[in-house]
């Protein structure tokens, strides 16, 4: 267990510890390579340019740190975000054309964020859900692919 106290020597120790952690992370992510074995055959060694080793204990933590930036980017645009594992749901109350423009700006920001982190958005799993009495048919896209509109049928008895 790590206890931090406030003194000149502990501030120096904390800075030293942070430097060591940053160096460890740099060593973990940089200069890595991979090779695949199938039966008795080995592939050529390839340099890993991005990503986290599958099965590493730090992978999920690094993903959470990176995806929290996406939440911040979208919330600055007024879009609410809910995360579960590697899925994100974006919520926005759209009443007019300005709301549609704001939602498209959020999806463009999502696309830019994913490209920056060398991630892909599974556009085929994305759709617009219209909830309410008025059906708005926005032309909203991700990476220039138009999203399908899902309108649940509400029947009154």
C-alpha atoms as a PDB file:
ATOM      1  CA  UNK A   1       0.000   0.000   0.000  1.00  0.00           C
ATOM      2  CA  UNK A   2       1.333   3.452  -0.882  1.00  0.00           C
ATOM      3  CA  UNK A   3       0.852   6.319   1.557  1.00  0.00           C
ATOM      4  CA  UNK A   4       1.647   9.848   0.410  1.00  0.00           C
ATOM      5  CA  UNK A   5       2.523  12.568   2.857  1.00  0.00           C
ATOM      6  CA  UNK A   6       3.098  16.265   2.239  1.00  0.00           C
ATOM      7  CA  UNK A   7       6.749  17.193   2.604  1.00  0.00           C
ATOM      8  CA  UNK A   8       9.584  18.262   0.331  1.00  0.00           C
ATOM      9  CA  UNK A   9      11.124  14.805   0.325  1.00  0.00           C
ATOM     10  CA  UNK A  10       7.811  13.060  -0.429  1.00  0.00           C
ATOM     11  CA  UNK A  11       7.113  15.450  -3.344  1.00  0.00           C
ATOM     12  CA  UNK A  12      10.512  14.517  -4.775  1.00  0.00           C
ATOM     13  CA  UNK A  13       9.741  10.815  -4.228  1.00  0.00           C
ATOM     14  CA  UNK A  14       6.388  11.175  -5.978  1.00  0.00           C
ATOM     15  CA  UNK A  15       8.014  12.901  -8.958  1.00  0.00           C
ATOM     16  CA  UNK A  16      10.631  10.130  -9.084  1.00  0.00           C
ATOM     17  CA  UNK A  17       7.901   7.470  -8.915  1.00  0.00           C
ATOM     18  CA  UNK A  18       5.900   9.129 -11.713  1.00  0.00           C
ATOM     19  CA  UNK A  19       9.053   9.294 -13.846  1.00  0.00           C
ATOM     20  CA  UNK A  20       9.657   5.580 -13.294  1.00  0.00           C
ATOM     21  CA  UNK A  21       6.044   4.742 -14.196  1.00  0.00           C
ATOM     22  CA  UNK A  22       6.235   6.824 -17.379  1.00  0.00           C
ATOM     23  CA  UNK A  23       9.512   5.127 -18.347  1.00  0.00           C
ATOM     24  CA  UNK A  24       7.993   1.697 -17.654  1.00  0.00           C
ATOM     25  CA  UNK A  25       4.963   2.508 -19.844  1.00  0.00           C
ATOM     26  CA  UNK A  26       7.243   3.779 -22.617  1.00  0.00           C
ATOM     27  CA  UNK A  27       9.283   0.570 -22.467  1.00  0.00           C
ATOM     28  CA  UNK A  28       6.074  -1.493 -22.485  1.00  0.00           C
ATOM     29  CA  UNK A  29       4.607   0.191 -25.580  1.00  0.00           C
ATOM     30  CA  UNK A  30       7.673   1.015 -27.689  1.00  0.00           C
ATOM     31  CA  UNK A  31      10.034  -1.246 -29.601  1.00  0.00           C
ATOM     32  CA  UNK A  32       7.762  -4.301 -29.530  1.00  0.00           C
ATOM     33  CA  UNK A  33       7.567  -7.059 -32.118  1.00  0.00           C
ATOM     34  CA  UNK A  34       5.460 -10.123 -32.780  1.00  0.00           C
ATOM     35  CA  UNK A  35       5.764 -13.479 -34.467  1.00  0.00           C
ATOM     36  CA  UNK A  36       3.088 -16.085 -35.138  1.00  0.00           C
ATOM     37  CA  UNK A  37       3.535 -19.838 -34.859  1.00  0.00           C
ATOM     38  CA  UNK A  38       1.247 -22.262 -36.693  1.00  0.00           C
ATOM     39  CA  UNK A  39       2.209 -25.879 -36.164  1.00  0.00           C
ATOM     40  CA  UNK A  40       5.970 -25.968 -36.661  1.00  0.00           C
ATOM     41  CA  UNK A  41       6.099 -22.891 -38.917  1.00  0.00           C
ATOM     42  CA  UNK A  42       7.027 -19.403 -37.733  1.00  0.00           C
ATOM     43  CA  UNK A  43       6.112 -16.167 -39.474  1.00  0.00           C
ATOM     44  CA  UNK A  44       8.596 -13.365 -39.987  1.00  0.00           C
ATOM     45  CA  UNK A  45       9.048 -11.023 -37.026  1.00  0.00           C
ATOM     46  CA  UNK A  46       6.985  -7.843 -37.414  1.00  0.00           C
ATOM     47  CA  UNK A  47       7.345  -4.593 -35.527  1.00  0.00           C
ATOM     48  CA  UNK A  48       4.215  -3.580 -33.587  1.00  0.00           C
ATOM     49  CA  UNK A  49       3.380   0.036 -34.320  1.00  0.00           C
ATOM     50  CA  UNK A  50       0.325   0.375 -32.096  1.00  0.00           C
ATOM     51  CA  UNK A  51      -1.972  -1.459 -29.750  1.00  0.00           C
ATOM     52  CA  UNK A  52      -1.592  -3.377 -26.530  1.00  0.00           C
ATOM     53  CA  UNK A  53      -0.520  -6.998 -26.215  1.00  0.00           C
ATOM     54  CA  UNK A  54      -3.559  -9.279 -25.986  1.00  0.00           C
ATOM     55  CA  UNK A  55      -4.073 -10.631 -22.490  1.00  0.00           C
ATOM     56  CA  UNK A  56      -1.950  -7.981 -20.793  1.00  0.00           C
ATOM     57  CA  UNK A  57      -3.269  -6.713 -17.484  1.00  0.00           C
ATOM     58  CA  UNK A  58      -2.545  -3.106 -18.430  1.00  0.00           C
ATOM     59  CA  UNK A  59      -4.523  -3.224 -21.707  1.00  0.00           C
ATOM     60  CA  UNK A  60      -7.983  -2.593 -20.213  1.00  0.00           C
ATOM     61  CA  UNK A  61      -6.629   0.243 -18.049  1.00  0.00           C
ATOM     62  CA  UNK A  62      -4.987   1.949 -21.026  1.00  0.00           C
ATOM     63  CA  UNK A  63      -8.224   1.600 -23.023  1.00  0.00           C
ATOM     64  CA  UNK A  64     -10.226   3.219 -20.211  1.00  0.00           C
ATOM     65  CA  UNK A  65      -7.749   6.086 -19.996  1.00  0.00           C
ATOM     66  CA  UNK A  66      -7.943   6.693 -23.741  1.00  0.00           C
ATOM     67  CA  UNK A  67     -11.732   6.349 -24.084  1.00  0.00           C
ATOM     68  CA  UNK A  68     -12.349   8.832 -21.258  1.00  0.00           C
ATOM     69  CA  UNK A  69     -10.919  11.473 -23.583  1.00  0.00           C
ATOM     70  CA  UNK A  70     -13.709  10.644 -26.062  1.00  0.00           C
ATOM     71  CA  UNK A  71     -16.333  11.254 -23.365  1.00  0.00           C
ATOM     72  CA  UNK A  72     -14.779  14.658 -22.632  1.00  0.00           C
ATOM     73  CA  UNK A  73     -14.673  15.614 -26.347  1.00  0.00           C
ATOM     74  CA  UNK A  74     -18.332  14.696 -26.902  1.00  0.00           C
ATOM     75  CA  UNK A  75     -19.633  16.225 -23.682  1.00  0.00           C
ATOM     76  CA  UNK A  76     -18.043  19.552 -24.696  1.00  0.00           C
ATOM     77  CA  UNK A  77     -20.457  19.408 -27.660  1.00  0.00           C
ATOM     78  CA  UNK A  78     -23.417  18.768 -25.336  1.00  0.00           C
ATOM     79  CA  UNK A  79     -23.670  15.065 -26.201  1.00  0.00           C
ATOM     80  CA  UNK A  80     -24.148  12.631 -23.335  1.00  0.00           C
ATOM     81  CA  UNK A  81     -22.099   9.428 -23.538  1.00  0.00           C
ATOM     82  CA  UNK A  82     -22.613   6.062 -21.838  1.00  0.00           C
ATOM     83  CA  UNK A  83     -19.812   3.498 -21.998  1.00  0.00           C
ATOM     84  CA  UNK A  84     -19.838  -0.251 -21.492  1.00  0.00           C
ATOM     85  CA  UNK A  85     -16.663  -2.202 -22.297  1.00  0.00           C
ATOM     86  CA  UNK A  86     -15.772  -1.050 -25.830  1.00  0.00           C
ATOM     87  CA  UNK A  87     -19.285   0.166 -26.717  1.00  0.00           C
ATOM     88  CA  UNK A  88     -20.418   3.774 -26.562  1.00  0.00           C
ATOM     89  CA  UNK A  89     -23.940   5.161 -26.714  1.00  0.00           C
ATOM     90  CA  UNK A  90     -24.386   8.820 -27.592  1.00  0.00           C
ATOM     91  CA  UNK A  91     -27.486  10.702 -26.463  1.00  0.00           C
ATOM     92  CA  UNK A  92     -28.750  14.047 -27.668  1.00  0.00           C
ATOM     93  CA  UNK A  93     -32.180  15.656 -27.444  1.00  0.00           C
ATOM     94  CA  UNK A  94     -32.786  16.767 -31.038  1.00  0.00           C
ATOM     95  CA  UNK A  95     -35.650  19.172 -31.646  1.00  0.00           C
ATOM     96  CA  UNK A  96     -34.608  20.916 -34.847  1.00  0.00           C
ATOM     97  CA  UNK A  97     -31.932  21.203 -37.532  1.00  0.00           C
ATOM     98  CA  UNK A  98     -29.443  22.670 -35.028  1.00  0.00           C
ATOM     99  CA  UNK A  99     -29.653  19.459 -32.976  1.00  0.00           C
ATOM    100  CA  UNK A 100     -28.967  17.384 -36.087  1.00  0.00           C
ATOM    101  CA  UNK A 101     -25.948  19.565 -36.898  1.00  0.00           C
ATOM    102  CA  UNK A 102     -24.680  19.150 -33.314  1.00  0.00           C
ATOM    103  CA  UNK A 103     -25.116  15.351 -33.486  1.00  0.00           C
ATOM    104  CA  UNK A 104     -23.254  15.168 -36.809  1.00  0.00           C
ATOM    105  CA  UNK A 105     -20.438  17.269 -35.311  1.00  0.00           C
ATOM    106  CA  UNK A 106     -20.259  14.787 -32.432  1.00  0.00           C
ATOM    107  CA  UNK A 107     -20.089  11.812 -34.788  1.00  0.00           C
ATOM    108  CA  UNK A 108     -17.373  13.570 -36.798  1.00  0.00           C
ATOM    109  CA  UNK A 109     -15.457  14.109 -33.537  1.00  0.00           C
ATOM    110  CA  UNK A 110     -15.921  10.415 -32.700  1.00  0.00           C
ATOM    111  CA  UNK A 111     -14.560   9.452 -36.108  1.00  0.00           C
ATOM    112  CA  UNK A 112     -11.564  11.799 -35.750  1.00  0.00           C
ATOM    113  CA  UNK A 113     -10.832  10.512 -32.246  1.00  0.00           C
ATOM    114  CA  UNK A 114     -10.929   6.898 -33.463  1.00  0.00           C
ATOM    115  CA  UNK A 115      -8.591   7.692 -36.362  1.00  0.00           C
ATOM    116  CA  UNK A 116      -6.161   9.441 -34.017  1.00  0.00           C
ATOM    117  CA  UNK A 117      -6.016   6.341 -31.789  1.00  0.00           C
ATOM    118  CA  UNK A 118      -5.903   3.975 -34.815  1.00  0.00           C
ATOM    119  CA  UNK A 119      -9.283   2.480 -33.907  1.00  0.00           C
ATOM    120  CA  UNK A 120     -12.204   1.704 -36.170  1.00  0.00           C
ATOM    121  CA  UNK A 121     -15.868   2.430 -35.618  1.00  0.00           C
ATOM    122  CA  UNK A 122     -18.157  -0.490 -36.486  1.00  0.00           C
ATOM    123  CA  UNK A 123     -20.539   1.655 -38.504  1.00  0.00           C
ATOM    124  CA  UNK A 124     -22.654  -1.382 -39.400  1.00  0.00           C
ATOM    125  CA  UNK A 125     -23.590  -1.629 -35.700  1.00  0.00           C
ATOM    126  CA  UNK A 126     -24.586   2.041 -35.446  1.00  0.00           C
ATOM    127  CA  UNK A 127     -28.018   3.525 -35.957  1.00  0.00           C
ATOM    128  CA  UNK A 128     -30.107   6.530 -34.975  1.00  0.00           C
ATOM    129  CA  UNK A 129     -32.880   5.845 -32.491  1.00  0.00           C
ATOM    130  CA  UNK A 130     -35.797   8.257 -32.684  1.00  0.00           C
ATOM    131  CA  UNK A 131     -37.864   8.432 -29.502  1.00  0.00           C
ATOM    132  CA  UNK A 132     -40.946  10.619 -29.372  1.00  0.00           C
ATOM    133  CA  UNK A 133     -44.151  11.501 -31.169  1.00  0.00           C
ATOM    134  CA  UNK A 134     -42.478  13.362 -34.027  1.00  0.00           C
ATOM    135  CA  UNK A 135     -40.353  11.285 -36.359  1.00  0.00           C
ATOM    136  CA  UNK A 136     -37.294  13.204 -37.469  1.00  0.00           C
ATOM    137  CA  UNK A 137     -35.441  11.638 -40.387  1.00  0.00           C
ATOM    138  CA  UNK A 138     -31.941  13.060 -40.125  1.00  0.00           C
ATOM    139  CA  UNK A 139     -29.249  12.297 -42.667  1.00  0.00           C
ATOM    140  CA  UNK A 140     -26.482  11.450 -40.218  1.00  0.00           C
ATOM    141  CA  UNK A 141     -23.307   9.585 -41.119  1.00  0.00           C
ATOM    142  CA  UNK A 142     -20.067   8.197 -39.763  1.00  0.00           C
ATOM    143  CA  UNK A 143     -17.123   8.171 -42.167  1.00  0.00           C
ATOM    144  CA  UNK A 144     -19.514   9.163 -44.991  1.00  0.00           C
ATOM    145  CA  UNK A 145     -21.701   6.081 -44.374  1.00  0.00           C
ATOM    146  CA  UNK A 146     -25.326   7.017 -43.753  1.00  0.00           C
ATOM    147  CA  UNK A 147     -26.706   5.632 -40.480  1.00  0.00           C
ATOM    148  CA  UNK A 148     -29.959   3.709 -40.463  1.00  0.00           C
ATOM    149  CA  UNK A 149     -32.910   5.238 -38.632  1.00  0.00           C
ATOM    150  CA  UNK A 150     -34.607   2.994 -36.075  1.00  0.00           C
ATOM    151  CA  UNK A 151     -38.118   4.051 -35.129  1.00  0.00           C
ATOM    152  CA  UNK A 152     -39.855   1.759 -32.651  1.00  0.00           C
ATOM    153  CA  UNK A 153     -43.529   1.281 -33.455  1.00  0.00           C
ATOM    154  CA  UNK A 154     -45.695   2.502 -30.612  1.00  0.00           C
ATOM    155  CA  UNK A 155     -49.269   1.336 -30.565  1.00  0.00           C
ATOM    156  CA  UNK A 156     -51.956   2.665 -28.270  1.00  0.00           C
ATOM    157  CA  UNK A 157     -54.614   0.327 -27.016  1.00  0.00           C
END
